[in-house]
């Protein structure tokens, strides 16, 4: 019984550009570099040039390790709890 919001990539980008317009162009340039690196990685993977290490079960958590309350979720290994009762910071985007 969870509720989630789905936004299109275009709507998400418009919201971010509106909220962070002064930094948006810098982000877009860095994102393009990341896309180029991802493409090179994909090509290397297609050629079988990767040395993958798979660690099955490494870092997994059990249900009883999570502390869930009405106001927050605490996860072992993370420095801060995840607050659940904060106001919506995107109220101006609707």
C-alpha atoms as a PDB file:
ATOM      1  CA  UNK A   1       0.000   0.000   0.000  1.00  0.00           C
ATOM      2  CA  UNK A   2       2.346   2.700  -1.217  1.00  0.00           C
ATOM      3  CA  UNK A   3       1.717   5.866  -3.135  1.00  0.00           C
ATOM      4  CA  UNK A   4       4.156   7.300  -5.628  1.00  0.00           C
ATOM      5  CA  UNK A   5       4.342  10.128  -8.101  1.00  0.00           C
ATOM      6  CA  UNK A   6       5.479   9.575 -11.677  1.00  0.00           C
ATOM      7  CA  UNK A   7       6.733  12.484 -13.747  1.00  0.00           C
ATOM      8  CA  UNK A   8       7.871  12.383 -17.341  1.00  0.00           C
ATOM      9  CA  UNK A   9      11.535  13.150 -18.023  1.00  0.00           C
ATOM     10  CA  UNK A  10      10.476  16.294 -19.866  1.00  0.00           C
ATOM     11  CA  UNK A  11       8.372  17.561 -16.948  1.00  0.00           C
ATOM     12  CA  UNK A  12      11.127  16.731 -14.474  1.00  0.00           C
ATOM     13  CA  UNK A  13      13.705  18.636 -16.518  1.00  0.00           C
ATOM     14  CA  UNK A  14      11.376  21.624 -16.805  1.00  0.00           C
ATOM     15  CA  UNK A  15      10.889  21.635 -13.022  1.00  0.00           C
ATOM     16  CA  UNK A  16      14.620  21.413 -12.366  1.00  0.00           C
ATOM     17  CA  UNK A  17      15.457  24.120 -14.912  1.00  0.00           C
ATOM     18  CA  UNK A  18      12.865  26.394 -13.355  1.00  0.00           C
ATOM     19  CA  UNK A  19      14.103  25.793  -9.813  1.00  0.00           C
ATOM     20  CA  UNK A  20      17.857  25.827 -10.592  1.00  0.00           C
ATOM     21  CA  UNK A  21      18.165  27.914 -13.752  1.00  0.00           C
ATOM     22  CA  UNK A  22      21.592  29.336 -12.853  1.00  0.00           C
ATOM     23  CA  UNK A  23      23.132  25.862 -12.645  1.00  0.00           C
ATOM     24  CA  UNK A  24      21.128  24.118 -15.366  1.00  0.00           C
ATOM     25  CA  UNK A  25      23.526  24.679 -18.307  1.00  0.00           C
ATOM     26  CA  UNK A  26      26.471  23.403 -16.265  1.00  0.00           C
ATOM     27  CA  UNK A  27      24.484  20.308 -15.333  1.00  0.00           C
ATOM     28  CA  UNK A  28      23.503  19.667 -18.970  1.00  0.00           C
ATOM     29  CA  UNK A  29      27.159  19.804 -20.060  1.00  0.00           C
ATOM     30  CA  UNK A  30      28.181  17.351 -17.323  1.00  0.00           C
ATOM     31  CA  UNK A  31      25.239  15.102 -18.179  1.00  0.00           C
ATOM     32  CA  UNK A  32      26.364  14.940 -21.812  1.00  0.00           C
ATOM     33  CA  UNK A  33      29.835  13.805 -20.708  1.00  0.00           C
ATOM     34  CA  UNK A  34      28.213  11.120 -18.540  1.00  0.00           C
ATOM     35  CA  UNK A  35      26.129   9.936 -21.486  1.00  0.00           C
ATOM     36  CA  UNK A  36      29.255   9.660 -23.644  1.00  0.00           C
ATOM     37  CA  UNK A  37      30.993   7.621 -20.941  1.00  0.00           C
ATOM     38  CA  UNK A  38      27.951   5.363 -20.575  1.00  0.00           C
ATOM     39  CA  UNK A  39      27.914   4.790 -24.331  1.00  0.00           C
ATOM     40  CA  UNK A  40      31.618   3.846 -24.294  1.00  0.00           C
ATOM     41  CA  UNK A  41      30.955   1.463 -21.377  1.00  0.00           C
ATOM     42  CA  UNK A  42      28.069  -0.143 -23.244  1.00  0.00           C
ATOM     43  CA  UNK A  43      30.222  -0.657 -26.334  1.00  0.00           C
ATOM     44  CA  UNK A  44      32.974  -2.264 -24.233  1.00  0.00           C
ATOM     45  CA  UNK A  45      30.373  -4.538 -22.617  1.00  0.00           C
ATOM     46  CA  UNK A  46      29.031  -5.545 -26.031  1.00  0.00           C
ATOM     47  CA  UNK A  47      32.567  -6.523 -27.053  1.00  0.00           C
ATOM     48  CA  UNK A  48      33.010  -8.552 -23.840  1.00  0.00           C
ATOM     49  CA  UNK A  49      35.769  -6.313 -22.514  1.00  0.00           C
ATOM     50  CA  UNK A  50      34.461  -5.939 -18.950  1.00  0.00           C
ATOM     51  CA  UNK A  51      35.761  -7.661 -15.844  1.00  0.00           C
ATOM     52  CA  UNK A  52      32.622  -7.899 -13.740  1.00  0.00           C
ATOM     53  CA  UNK A  53      32.686  -8.894 -10.059  1.00  0.00           C
ATOM     54  CA  UNK A  54      29.310 -10.028  -8.751  1.00  0.00           C
ATOM     55  CA  UNK A  55      28.886 -10.308  -4.994  1.00  0.00           C
ATOM     56  CA  UNK A  56      25.610 -12.090  -4.390  1.00  0.00           C
ATOM     57  CA  UNK A  57      23.882 -10.910  -1.223  1.00  0.00           C
ATOM     58  CA  UNK A  58      26.583  -8.395  -0.331  1.00  0.00           C
ATOM     59  CA  UNK A  59      25.142  -5.455   1.585  1.00  0.00           C
ATOM     60  CA  UNK A  60      21.600  -6.805   1.812  1.00  0.00           C
ATOM     61  CA  UNK A  61      19.327  -5.830   4.698  1.00  0.00           C
ATOM     62  CA  UNK A  62      16.618  -7.851   6.402  1.00  0.00           C
ATOM     63  CA  UNK A  63      13.249  -6.370   7.343  1.00  0.00           C
ATOM     64  CA  UNK A  64      14.091  -6.438  11.039  1.00  0.00           C
ATOM     65  CA  UNK A  65      17.132  -4.204  10.448  1.00  0.00           C
ATOM     66  CA  UNK A  66      14.959  -1.295   9.308  1.00  0.00           C
ATOM     67  CA  UNK A  67      13.384   1.008  11.879  1.00  0.00           C
ATOM     68  CA  UNK A  68      10.165   2.408  10.425  1.00  0.00           C
ATOM     69  CA  UNK A  69       7.960   4.870  12.294  1.00  0.00           C
ATOM     70  CA  UNK A  70       5.292   7.377  11.293  1.00  0.00           C
ATOM     71  CA  UNK A  71       7.901  10.138  11.125  1.00  0.00           C
ATOM     72  CA  UNK A  72      11.041   8.473   9.729  1.00  0.00           C
ATOM     73  CA  UNK A  73      12.842   5.416   8.376  1.00  0.00           C
ATOM     74  CA  UNK A  74      16.250   4.503   9.789  1.00  0.00           C
ATOM     75  CA  UNK A  75      18.537   2.300   7.678  1.00  0.00           C
ATOM     76  CA  UNK A  76      21.736   0.751   9.099  1.00  0.00           C
ATOM     77  CA  UNK A  77      24.846   2.155   7.462  1.00  0.00           C
ATOM     78  CA  UNK A  78      23.281   5.505   6.579  1.00  0.00           C
ATOM     79  CA  UNK A  79      24.166   8.522   8.705  1.00  0.00           C
ATOM     80  CA  UNK A  80      20.741  10.128   8.684  1.00  0.00           C
ATOM     81  CA  UNK A  81      17.206   8.873   8.979  1.00  0.00           C
ATOM     82  CA  UNK A  82      14.781   9.494   6.118  1.00  0.00           C
ATOM     83  CA  UNK A  83      12.129  11.949   7.318  1.00  0.00           C
ATOM     84  CA  UNK A  84       8.555  11.223   6.292  1.00  0.00           C
ATOM     85  CA  UNK A  85       6.799  14.281   7.706  1.00  0.00           C
ATOM     86  CA  UNK A  86       8.480  17.144   5.826  1.00  0.00           C
ATOM     87  CA  UNK A  87       6.480  19.661   3.795  1.00  0.00           C
ATOM     88  CA  UNK A  88       6.467  19.330   0.003  1.00  0.00           C
ATOM     89  CA  UNK A  89       9.366  21.455  -1.338  1.00  0.00           C
ATOM     90  CA  UNK A  90       7.802  21.390  -4.823  1.00  0.00           C
ATOM     91  CA  UNK A  91       4.454  22.960  -4.027  1.00  0.00           C
ATOM     92  CA  UNK A  92       5.237  25.767  -6.460  1.00  0.00           C
ATOM     93  CA  UNK A  93       5.699  23.292  -9.319  1.00  0.00           C
ATOM     94  CA  UNK A  94       2.140  22.013  -9.575  1.00  0.00           C
END
